[in-house]
């Protein structure tokens, strides 16, 4: 019996971040996870969806530096995270559980 080759396609969260509401919901879910790398990756994906160059400019951060900070191996300073979140037009908020 001949096995069929499994066909795969690359999945990218950016393909599903079409609206501001999609982006806010995505970041909210990442924050609920609570893992810093997940949150940074979500912010990076949202920035890519909106245009990394534009977001880097609005945040006052070099584009390459922003890519590095928001990469899976990155460890952005909190000030960087806040600048990027503002540049994305999003807000962080707290609530009780």
PDB file of N, CA and C in Angstrom:
ATOM      1  N   UNK A   1       0.839  -1.175   0.000  1.00  0.00           N
ATOM      2  CA  UNK A   1       0.000   0.000   0.000  1.00  0.00           C
ATOM      3  C   UNK A   1       0.889   1.246   0.000  1.00  0.00           C
ATOM      4  N   UNK A   2       0.616   2.149  -0.889  1.00  0.00           N
ATOM      5  CA  UNK A   2       1.403   3.373  -1.017  1.00  0.00           C
ATOM      6  C   UNK A   2       0.849   4.449  -0.073  1.00  0.00           C
ATOM      7  N   UNK A   3       1.746   5.046   0.698  1.00  0.00           N
ATOM      8  CA  UNK A   3       1.335   6.109   1.618  1.00  0.00           C
ATOM      9  C   UNK A   3       1.253   7.435   0.863  1.00  0.00           C
ATOM     10  N   UNK A   4       0.237   8.216   1.195  1.00  0.00           N
ATOM     11  CA  UNK A   4       0.121   9.557   0.616  1.00  0.00           C
ATOM     12  C   UNK A   4       1.002  10.504   1.417  1.00  0.00           C
ATOM     13  N   UNK A   5       1.586  11.435   0.707  1.00  0.00           N
ATOM     14  CA  UNK A   5       2.374  12.462   1.392  1.00  0.00           C
ATOM     15  C   UNK A   5       1.435  13.428   2.089  1.00  0.00           C
ATOM     16  N   UNK A   6       1.802  13.749   3.290  1.00  0.00           N
ATOM     17  CA  UNK A   6       1.028  14.711   4.062  1.00  0.00           C
ATOM     18  C   UNK A   6       1.370  16.108   3.574  1.00  0.00           C
ATOM     19  N   UNK A   7       0.352  16.858   3.202  1.00  0.00           N
ATOM     20  CA  UNK A   7       0.566  18.235   2.763  1.00  0.00           C
ATOM     21  C   UNK A   7       0.314  19.165   3.944  1.00  0.00           C
ATOM     22  N   UNK A   8       1.236  20.047   4.175  1.00  0.00           N
ATOM     23  CA  UNK A   8       1.089  21.013   5.258  1.00  0.00           C
ATOM     24  C   UNK A   8       1.228  22.417   4.701  1.00  0.00           C
ATOM     25  N   UNK A   9       0.694  23.351   5.416  1.00  0.00           N
ATOM     26  CA  UNK A   9       0.852  24.755   5.067  1.00  0.00           C
ATOM     27  C   UNK A   9       1.334  25.500   6.298  1.00  0.00           C
ATOM     28  N   UNK A  10       2.056  26.555   6.078  1.00  0.00           N
ATOM     29  CA  UNK A  10       2.556  27.364   7.182  1.00  0.00           C
ATOM     30  C   UNK A  10       1.389  28.123   7.816  1.00  0.00           C
ATOM     31  N   UNK A  11       1.299  28.037   9.135  1.00  0.00           N
ATOM     32  CA  UNK A  11       0.273  28.774   9.864  1.00  0.00           C
ATOM     33  C   UNK A  11       0.907  30.010  10.464  1.00  0.00           C
ATOM     34  N   UNK A  12       0.262  31.145  10.285  1.00  0.00           N
ATOM     35  CA  UNK A  12       0.769  32.403  10.826  1.00  0.00           C
ATOM     36  C   UNK A  12      -0.408  33.154  11.445  1.00  0.00           C
ATOM     37  N   UNK A  13      -0.304  33.473  12.728  1.00  0.00           N
ATOM     38  CA  UNK A  13      -1.371  34.186  13.429  1.00  0.00           C
ATOM     39  C   UNK A  13      -1.730  35.489  12.737  1.00  0.00           C
ATOM     40  N   UNK A  14      -0.755  36.113  12.103  1.00  0.00           N
ATOM     41  CA  UNK A  14      -0.979  37.401  11.440  1.00  0.00           C
ATOM     42  C   UNK A  14      -2.093  37.304  10.398  1.00  0.00           C
ATOM     43  N   UNK A  15      -2.222  36.143   9.766  1.00  0.00           N
ATOM     44  CA  UNK A  15      -3.256  35.949   8.749  1.00  0.00           C
ATOM     45  C   UNK A  15      -4.664  36.072   9.322  1.00  0.00           C
ATOM     46  N   UNK A  16      -4.793  35.973  10.631  1.00  0.00           N
ATOM     47  CA  UNK A  16      -6.098  35.999  11.277  1.00  0.00           C
ATOM     48  C   UNK A  16      -6.339  37.280  12.086  1.00  0.00           C
ATOM     49  N   UNK A  17      -5.397  38.188  12.047  1.00  0.00           N
ATOM     50  CA  UNK A  17      -5.519  39.448  12.788  1.00  0.00           C
ATOM     51  C   UNK A  17      -5.942  40.553  11.821  1.00  0.00           C
ATOM     52  N   UNK A  18      -7.229  40.568  11.507  1.00  0.00           N
ATOM     53  CA  UNK A  18      -7.747  41.488  10.486  1.00  0.00           C
ATOM     54  C   UNK A  18      -8.291  42.788  11.070  1.00  0.00           C
ATOM     55  N   UNK A  19      -8.863  42.718  12.251  1.00  0.00           N
ATOM     56  CA  UNK A  19      -9.491  43.908  12.832  1.00  0.00           C
ATOM     57  C   UNK A  19      -8.840  44.259  14.165  1.00  0.00           C
ATOM     58  N   UNK A  20      -9.082  45.478  14.615  1.00  0.00           N
ATOM     59  CA  UNK A  20      -8.573  45.888  15.928  1.00  0.00           C
ATOM     60  C   UNK A  20      -9.136  44.991  17.025  1.00  0.00           C
ATOM     61  N   UNK A  21     -10.387  44.560  16.856  1.00  0.00           N
ATOM     62  CA  UNK A  21     -10.997  43.674  17.853  1.00  0.00           C
ATOM     63  C   UNK A  21     -10.292  42.315  17.872  1.00  0.00           C
ATOM     64  N   UNK A  22      -9.949  41.794  16.686  1.00  0.00           N
ATOM     65  CA  UNK A  22      -9.192  40.539  16.620  1.00  0.00           C
ATOM     66  C   UNK A  22      -7.885  40.671  17.393  1.00  0.00           C
ATOM     67  N   UNK A  23      -7.210  41.796  17.191  1.00  0.00           N
ATOM     68  CA  UNK A  23      -5.911  42.025  17.818  1.00  0.00           C
ATOM     69  C   UNK A  23      -6.037  42.152  19.326  1.00  0.00           C
ATOM     70  N   UNK A  24      -7.048  42.887  19.770  1.00  0.00           N
ATOM     71  CA  UNK A  24      -7.264  43.053  21.211  1.00  0.00           C
ATOM     72  C   UNK A  24      -7.614  41.709  21.866  1.00  0.00           C
ATOM     73  N   UNK A  25      -8.460  40.933  21.217  1.00  0.00           N
ATOM     74  CA  UNK A  25      -8.826  39.619  21.764  1.00  0.00           C
ATOM     75  C   UNK A  25      -7.613  38.691  21.831  1.00  0.00           C
ATOM     76  N   UNK A  26      -6.795  38.743  20.811  1.00  0.00           N
ATOM     77  CA  UNK A  26      -5.585  37.910  20.747  1.00  0.00           C
ATOM     78  C   UNK A  26      -4.631  38.264  21.885  1.00  0.00           C
ATOM     79  N   UNK A  27      -4.408  39.572  22.099  1.00  0.00           N
ATOM     80  CA  UNK A  27      -3.527  39.999  23.183  1.00  0.00           C
ATOM     81  C   UNK A  27      -4.128  39.634  24.537  1.00  0.00           C
ATOM     82  N   UNK A  28      -5.433  39.788  24.673  1.00  0.00           N
ATOM     83  CA  UNK A  28      -6.111  39.429  25.930  1.00  0.00           C
ATOM     84  C   UNK A  28      -5.908  37.943  26.239  1.00  0.00           C
ATOM     85  N   UNK A  29      -6.047  37.092  25.235  1.00  0.00           N
ATOM     86  CA  UNK A  29      -5.850  35.655  25.439  1.00  0.00           C
ATOM     87  C   UNK A  29      -4.401  35.355  25.829  1.00  0.00           C
ATOM     88  N   UNK A  30      -3.459  36.045  25.198  1.00  0.00           N
ATOM     89  CA  UNK A  30      -2.041  35.843  25.535  1.00  0.00           C
ATOM     90  C   UNK A  30      -1.776  36.274  26.973  1.00  0.00           C
ATOM     91  N   UNK A  31      -2.395  37.368  27.395  1.00  0.00           N
ATOM     92  CA  UNK A  31      -2.191  37.847  28.761  1.00  0.00           C
ATOM     93  C   UNK A  31      -2.826  36.893  29.771  1.00  0.00           C
ATOM     94  N   UNK A  32      -3.929  36.277  29.412  1.00  0.00           N
ATOM     95  CA  UNK A  32      -4.552  35.295  30.307  1.00  0.00           C
ATOM     96  C   UNK A  32      -3.647  34.085  30.485  1.00  0.00           C
ATOM     97  N   UNK A  33      -2.885  33.742  29.442  1.00  0.00           N
ATOM     98  CA  UNK A  33      -1.924  32.641  29.547  1.00  0.00           C
ATOM     99  C   UNK A  33      -0.884  32.968  30.608  1.00  0.00           C
ATOM    100  N   UNK A  34      -0.453  34.229  30.641  1.00  0.00           N
ATOM    101  CA  UNK A  34       0.460  34.700  31.671  1.00  0.00           C
ATOM    102  C   UNK A  34       1.933  34.454  31.405  1.00  0.00           C
ATOM    103  N   UNK A  35       2.259  33.765  30.331  1.00  0.00           N
ATOM    104  CA  UNK A  35       3.656  33.466  30.001  1.00  0.00           C
ATOM    105  C   UNK A  35       4.253  34.661  29.250  1.00  0.00           C
ATOM    106  N   UNK A  36       5.309  35.285  29.786  1.00  0.00           N
ATOM    107  CA  UNK A  36       5.893  36.468  29.134  1.00  0.00           C
ATOM    108  C   UNK A  36       6.239  36.267  27.656  1.00  0.00           C
ATOM    109  N   UNK A  37       6.774  35.115  27.299  1.00  0.00           N
ATOM    110  CA  UNK A  37       7.140  34.873  25.898  1.00  0.00           C
ATOM    111  C   UNK A  37       5.900  34.831  25.006  1.00  0.00           C
ATOM    112  N   UNK A  38       4.798  34.306  25.521  1.00  0.00           N
ATOM    113  CA  UNK A  38       3.550  34.251  24.754  1.00  0.00           C
ATOM    114  C   UNK A  38       3.019  35.667  24.526  1.00  0.00           C
ATOM    115  N   UNK A  39       3.087  36.488  25.553  1.00  0.00           N
ATOM    116  CA  UNK A  39       2.618  37.873  25.444  1.00  0.00           C
ATOM    117  C   UNK A  39       3.491  38.651  24.454  1.00  0.00           C
ATOM    118  N   UNK A  40       4.802  38.518  24.563  1.00  0.00           N
ATOM    119  CA  UNK A  40       5.712  39.216  23.645  1.00  0.00           C
ATOM    120  C   UNK A  40       5.495  38.757  22.208  1.00  0.00           C
ATOM    121  N   UNK A  41       5.289  37.463  22.010  1.00  0.00           N
ATOM    122  CA  UNK A  41       5.036  36.946  20.665  1.00  0.00           C
ATOM    123  C   UNK A  41       3.729  37.499  20.113  1.00  0.00           C
ATOM    124  N   UNK A  42       2.699  37.564  20.946  1.00  0.00           N
ATOM    125  CA  UNK A  42       1.416  38.117  20.508  1.00  0.00           C
ATOM    126  C   UNK A  42       1.568  39.574  20.112  1.00  0.00           C
ATOM    127  N   UNK A  43       2.288  40.348  20.907  1.00  0.00           N
ATOM    128  CA  UNK A  43       2.512  41.756  20.580  1.00  0.00           C
ATOM    129  C   UNK A  43       3.284  41.858  19.262  1.00  0.00           C
ATOM    130  N   UNK A  44       4.271  41.002  19.089  1.00  0.00           N
ATOM    131  CA  UNK A  44       5.037  40.993  17.844  1.00  0.00           C
ATOM    132  C   UNK A  44       4.176  40.633  16.641  1.00  0.00           C
ATOM    133  N   UNK A  45       3.292  39.663  16.799  1.00  0.00           N
ATOM    134  CA  UNK A  45       2.395  39.285  15.700  1.00  0.00           C
ATOM    135  C   UNK A  45       1.435  40.420  15.352  1.00  0.00           C
ATOM    136  N   UNK A  46       0.928  41.097  16.365  1.00  0.00           N
ATOM    137  CA  UNK A  46       0.037  42.234  16.126  1.00  0.00           C
ATOM    138  C   UNK A  46       0.800  43.348  15.413  1.00  0.00           C
ATOM    139  N   UNK A  47       2.040  43.594  15.840  1.00  0.00           N
ATOM    140  CA  UNK A  47       2.858  44.621  15.187  1.00  0.00           C
ATOM    141  C   UNK A  47       3.111  44.256  13.721  1.00  0.00           C
ATOM    142  N   UNK A  48       3.379  42.979  13.447  1.00  0.00           N
ATOM    143  CA  UNK A  48       3.572  42.554  12.050  1.00  0.00           C
ATOM    144  C   UNK A  48       2.293  42.747  11.247  1.00  0.00           C
ATOM    145  N   UNK A  49       1.137  42.473  11.856  1.00  0.00           N
ATOM    146  CA  UNK A  49      -0.143  42.634  11.173  1.00  0.00           C
ATOM    147  C   UNK A  49      -0.408  44.099  10.828  1.00  0.00           C
ATOM    148  N   UNK A  50       0.016  44.997  11.706  1.00  0.00           N
ATOM    149  CA  UNK A  50      -0.197  46.427  11.462  1.00  0.00           C
ATOM    150  C   UNK A  50       0.919  47.060  10.652  1.00  0.00           C
ATOM    151  N   UNK A  51       2.045  46.378  10.554  1.00  0.00           N
ATOM    152  CA  UNK A  51       3.195  46.923   9.826  1.00  0.00           C
ATOM    153  C   UNK A  51       4.308  47.253  10.798  1.00  0.00           C
ATOM    154  N   UNK A  52       5.298  46.392  10.860  1.00  0.00           N
ATOM    155  CA  UNK A  52       6.372  46.521  11.853  1.00  0.00           C
ATOM    156  C   UNK A  52       7.106  47.849  11.719  1.00  0.00           C
ATOM    157  N   UNK A  53       7.370  48.288  10.497  1.00  0.00           N
ATOM    158  CA  UNK A  53       8.102  49.550  10.302  1.00  0.00           C
ATOM    159  C   UNK A  53       7.324  50.716  10.883  1.00  0.00           C
ATOM    160  N   UNK A  54       6.031  50.762  10.603  1.00  0.00           N
ATOM    161  CA  UNK A  54       5.182  51.845  11.102  1.00  0.00           C
ATOM    162  C   UNK A  54       5.114  51.829  12.628  1.00  0.00           C
ATOM    163  N   UNK A  55       4.953  50.654  13.212  1.00  0.00           N
ATOM    164  CA  UNK A  55       4.857  50.543  14.670  1.00  0.00           C
ATOM    165  C   UNK A  55       6.186  50.909  15.324  1.00  0.00           C
ATOM    166  N   UNK A  56       7.288  50.455  14.743  1.00  0.00           N
ATOM    167  CA  UNK A  56       8.606  50.798  15.291  1.00  0.00           C
ATOM    168  C   UNK A  56       8.793  52.317  15.288  1.00  0.00           C
ATOM    169  N   UNK A  57       8.391  52.951  14.198  1.00  0.00           N
ATOM    170  CA  UNK A  57       8.527  54.416  14.097  1.00  0.00           C
ATOM    171  C   UNK A  57       7.674  55.100  15.159  1.00  0.00           C
ATOM    172  N   UNK A  58       6.408  54.681  15.297  1.00  0.00           N
ATOM    173  CA  UNK A  58       5.517  55.284  16.298  1.00  0.00           C
ATOM    174  C   UNK A  58       6.029  55.081  17.716  1.00  0.00           C
ATOM    175  N   UNK A  59       6.651  53.918  17.961  1.00  0.00           N
ATOM    176  CA  UNK A  59       7.148  53.596  19.300  1.00  0.00           C
ATOM    177  C   UNK A  59       8.516  54.218  19.572  1.00  0.00           C
ATOM    178  N   UNK A  60       9.169  54.728  18.528  1.00  0.00           N
ATOM    179  CA  UNK A  60      10.499  55.309  18.699  1.00  0.00           C
ATOM    180  C   UNK A  60      11.572  54.261  18.897  1.00  0.00           C
ATOM    181  N   UNK A  61      11.389  53.115  18.268  1.00  0.00           N
ATOM    182  CA  UNK A  61      12.321  51.986  18.396  1.00  0.00           C
ATOM    183  C   UNK A  61      12.745  51.563  16.997  1.00  0.00           C
ATOM    184  N   UNK A  62      13.991  51.191  16.836  1.00  0.00           N
ATOM    185  CA  UNK A  62      14.449  50.693  15.545  1.00  0.00           C
ATOM    186  C   UNK A  62      13.714  49.417  15.166  1.00  0.00           C
ATOM    187  N   UNK A  63      13.409  49.256  13.881  1.00  0.00           N
ATOM    188  CA  UNK A  63      12.659  48.102  13.412  1.00  0.00           C
ATOM    189  C   UNK A  63      13.357  46.785  13.759  1.00  0.00           C
ATOM    190  N   UNK A  64      14.662  46.719  13.513  1.00  0.00           N
ATOM    191  CA  UNK A  64      15.411  45.489  13.809  1.00  0.00           C
ATOM    192  C   UNK A  64      15.403  45.222  15.315  1.00  0.00           C
ATOM    193  N   UNK A  65      15.575  46.265  16.104  1.00  0.00           N
ATOM    194  CA  UNK A  65      15.538  46.102  17.565  1.00  0.00           C
ATOM    195  C   UNK A  65      14.173  45.607  18.023  1.00  0.00           C
ATOM    196  N   UNK A  66      13.125  46.100  17.377  1.00  0.00           N
ATOM    197  CA  UNK A  66      11.784  45.673  17.744  1.00  0.00           C
ATOM    198  C   UNK A  66      11.564  44.203  17.400  1.00  0.00           C
ATOM    199  N   UNK A  67      12.012  43.794  16.218  1.00  0.00           N
ATOM    200  CA  UNK A  67      11.921  42.375  15.849  1.00  0.00           C
ATOM    201  C   UNK A  67      12.638  41.502  16.880  1.00  0.00           C
ATOM    202  N   UNK A  68      13.847  41.916  17.274  1.00  0.00           N
ATOM    203  CA  UNK A  68      14.623  41.136  18.242  1.00  0.00           C
ATOM    204  C   UNK A  68      13.922  41.083  19.600  1.00  0.00           C
ATOM    205  N   UNK A  69      13.418  42.237  20.057  1.00  0.00           N
ATOM    206  CA  UNK A  69      12.775  42.298  21.370  1.00  0.00           C
ATOM    207  C   UNK A  69      11.528  41.415  21.435  1.00  0.00           C
ATOM    208  N   UNK A  70      10.796  41.341  20.333  1.00  0.00           N
ATOM    209  CA  UNK A  70       9.536  40.608  20.331  1.00  0.00           C
ATOM    210  C   UNK A  70       9.647  39.195  19.759  1.00  0.00           C
ATOM    211  N   UNK A  71      10.871  38.767  19.511  1.00  0.00           N
ATOM    212  CA  UNK A  71      11.090  37.408  19.008  1.00  0.00           C
ATOM    213  C   UNK A  71      10.909  36.413  20.159  1.00  0.00           C
ATOM    214  N   UNK A  72      10.738  35.132  19.847  1.00  0.00           N
ATOM    215  CA  UNK A  72      10.595  34.135  20.915  1.00  0.00           C
ATOM    216  C   UNK A  72      11.782  34.121  21.895  1.00  0.00           C
ATOM    217  N   UNK A  73      12.962  34.494  21.428  1.00  0.00           N
ATOM    218  CA  UNK A  73      14.138  34.535  22.305  1.00  0.00           C
ATOM    219  C   UNK A  73      14.351  35.905  22.934  1.00  0.00           C
ATOM    220  N   UNK A  74      13.530  36.874  22.554  1.00  0.00           N
ATOM    221  CA  UNK A  74      13.691  38.239  23.061  1.00  0.00           C
ATOM    222  C   UNK A  74      13.244  38.348  24.507  1.00  0.00           C
ATOM    223  N   UNK A  75      13.697  39.397  25.145  1.00  0.00           N
ATOM    224  CA  UNK A  75      13.304  39.667  26.518  1.00  0.00           C
ATOM    225  C   UNK A  75      13.145  41.185  26.646  1.00  0.00           C
ATOM    226  N   UNK A  76      12.035  41.716  26.082  1.00  0.00           N
ATOM    227  CA  UNK A  76      11.892  43.172  26.045  1.00  0.00           C
ATOM    228  C   UNK A  76      11.712  43.772  27.430  1.00  0.00           C
ATOM    229  N   UNK A  77      12.241  44.959  27.582  1.00  0.00           N
ATOM    230  CA  UNK A  77      12.007  45.704  28.818  1.00  0.00           C
ATOM    231  C   UNK A  77      10.532  46.090  28.862  1.00  0.00           C
ATOM    232  N   UNK A  78      10.016  46.268  30.050  1.00  0.00           N
ATOM    233  CA  UNK A  78       8.608  46.626  30.185  1.00  0.00           C
ATOM    234  C   UNK A  78       8.315  47.956  29.504  1.00  0.00           C
ATOM    235  N   UNK A  79       9.250  48.891  29.574  1.00  0.00           N
ATOM    236  CA  UNK A  79       9.065  50.183  28.909  1.00  0.00           C
ATOM    237  C   UNK A  79       8.891  49.996  27.405  1.00  0.00           C
ATOM    238  N   UNK A  80       9.623  49.060  26.824  1.00  0.00           N
ATOM    239  CA  UNK A  80       9.491  48.769  25.396  1.00  0.00           C
ATOM    240  C   UNK A  80       8.102  48.209  25.105  1.00  0.00           C
ATOM    241  N   UNK A  81       7.658  47.287  25.944  1.00  0.00           N
ATOM    242  CA  UNK A  81       6.329  46.704  25.774  1.00  0.00           C
ATOM    243  C   UNK A  81       5.270  47.802  25.805  1.00  0.00           C
ATOM    244  N   UNK A  82       5.364  48.709  26.767  1.00  0.00           N
ATOM    245  CA  UNK A  82       4.379  49.790  26.877  1.00  0.00           C
ATOM    246  C   UNK A  82       4.404  50.708  25.656  1.00  0.00           C
ATOM    247  N   UNK A  83       5.590  51.034  25.160  1.00  0.00           N
ATOM    248  CA  UNK A  83       5.694  51.883  23.967  1.00  0.00           C
ATOM    249  C   UNK A  83       5.034  51.213  22.765  1.00  0.00           C
ATOM    250  N   UNK A  84       5.283  49.939  22.611  1.00  0.00           N
ATOM    251  CA  UNK A  84       4.732  49.206  21.463  1.00  0.00           C
ATOM    252  C   UNK A  84       3.221  49.069  21.593  1.00  0.00           C
ATOM    253  N   UNK A  85       2.740  48.745  22.768  1.00  0.00           N
ATOM    254  CA  UNK A  85       1.295  48.617  22.980  1.00  0.00           C
ATOM    255  C   UNK A  85       0.610  49.938  22.655  1.00  0.00           C
ATOM    256  N   UNK A  86       1.170  51.048  23.099  1.00  0.00           N
ATOM    257  CA  UNK A  86       0.603  52.368  22.762  1.00  0.00           C
ATOM    258  C   UNK A  86       0.644  52.610  21.261  1.00  0.00           C
ATOM    259  N   UNK A  87       1.755  52.286  20.628  1.00  0.00           N
ATOM    260  CA  UNK A  87       1.888  52.478  19.178  1.00  0.00           C
ATOM    261  C   UNK A  87       0.879  51.622  18.412  1.00  0.00           C
ATOM    262  N   UNK A  88       0.500  50.494  18.969  1.00  0.00           N
ATOM    263  CA  UNK A  88      -0.487  49.621  18.344  1.00  0.00           C
ATOM    264  C   UNK A  88      -1.913  50.135  18.541  1.00  0.00           C
ATOM    265  N   UNK A  89      -2.062  51.138  19.403  1.00  0.00           N
ATOM    266  CA  UNK A  89      -3.393  51.664  19.686  1.00  0.00           C
ATOM    267  C   UNK A  89      -4.163  50.794  20.669  1.00  0.00           C
ATOM    268  N   UNK A  90      -3.430  49.993  21.447  1.00  0.00           N
ATOM    269  CA  UNK A  90      -4.043  49.123  22.445  1.00  0.00           C
ATOM    270  C   UNK A  90      -3.740  49.646  23.841  1.00  0.00           C
ATOM    271  N   UNK A  91      -4.479  49.142  24.826  1.00  0.00           N
ATOM    272  CA  UNK A  91      -4.232  49.488  26.222  1.00  0.00           C
ATOM    273  C   UNK A  91      -4.189  48.225  27.028  1.00  0.00           C
ATOM    274  N   UNK A  92      -3.323  48.210  28.023  1.00  0.00           N
ATOM    275  CA  UNK A  92      -3.304  47.118  28.994  1.00  0.00           C
ATOM    276  C   UNK A  92      -4.248  47.522  30.125  1.00  0.00           C
ATOM    277  N   UNK A  93      -4.942  46.565  30.686  1.00  0.00           N
ATOM    278  CA  UNK A  93      -5.802  46.882  31.826  1.00  0.00           C
ATOM    279  C   UNK A  93      -5.788  45.736  32.818  1.00  0.00           C
ATOM    280  N   UNK A  94      -6.213  46.063  34.004  1.00  0.00           N
ATOM    281  CA  UNK A  94      -6.244  45.054  35.060  1.00  0.00           C
ATOM    282  C   UNK A  94      -7.685  44.912  35.558  1.00  0.00           C
ATOM    283  N   UNK A  95      -7.996  43.703  36.004  1.00  0.00           N
ATOM    284  CA  UNK A  95      -9.296  43.464  36.605  1.00  0.00           C
ATOM    285  C   UNK A  95      -9.117  42.396  37.674  1.00  0.00           C
ATOM    286  N   UNK A  96     -10.105  42.274  38.521  1.00  0.00           N
ATOM    287  CA  UNK A  96     -10.029  41.240  39.538  1.00  0.00           C
ATOM    288  C   UNK A  96     -10.569  39.940  38.968  1.00  0.00           C
ATOM    289  N   UNK A  97     -10.093  38.835  39.506  1.00  0.00           N
ATOM    290  CA  UNK A  97     -10.549  37.539  38.974  1.00  0.00           C
ATOM    291  C   UNK A  97     -11.714  36.981  39.732  1.00  0.00           C
TER     292      UNK A  97
END
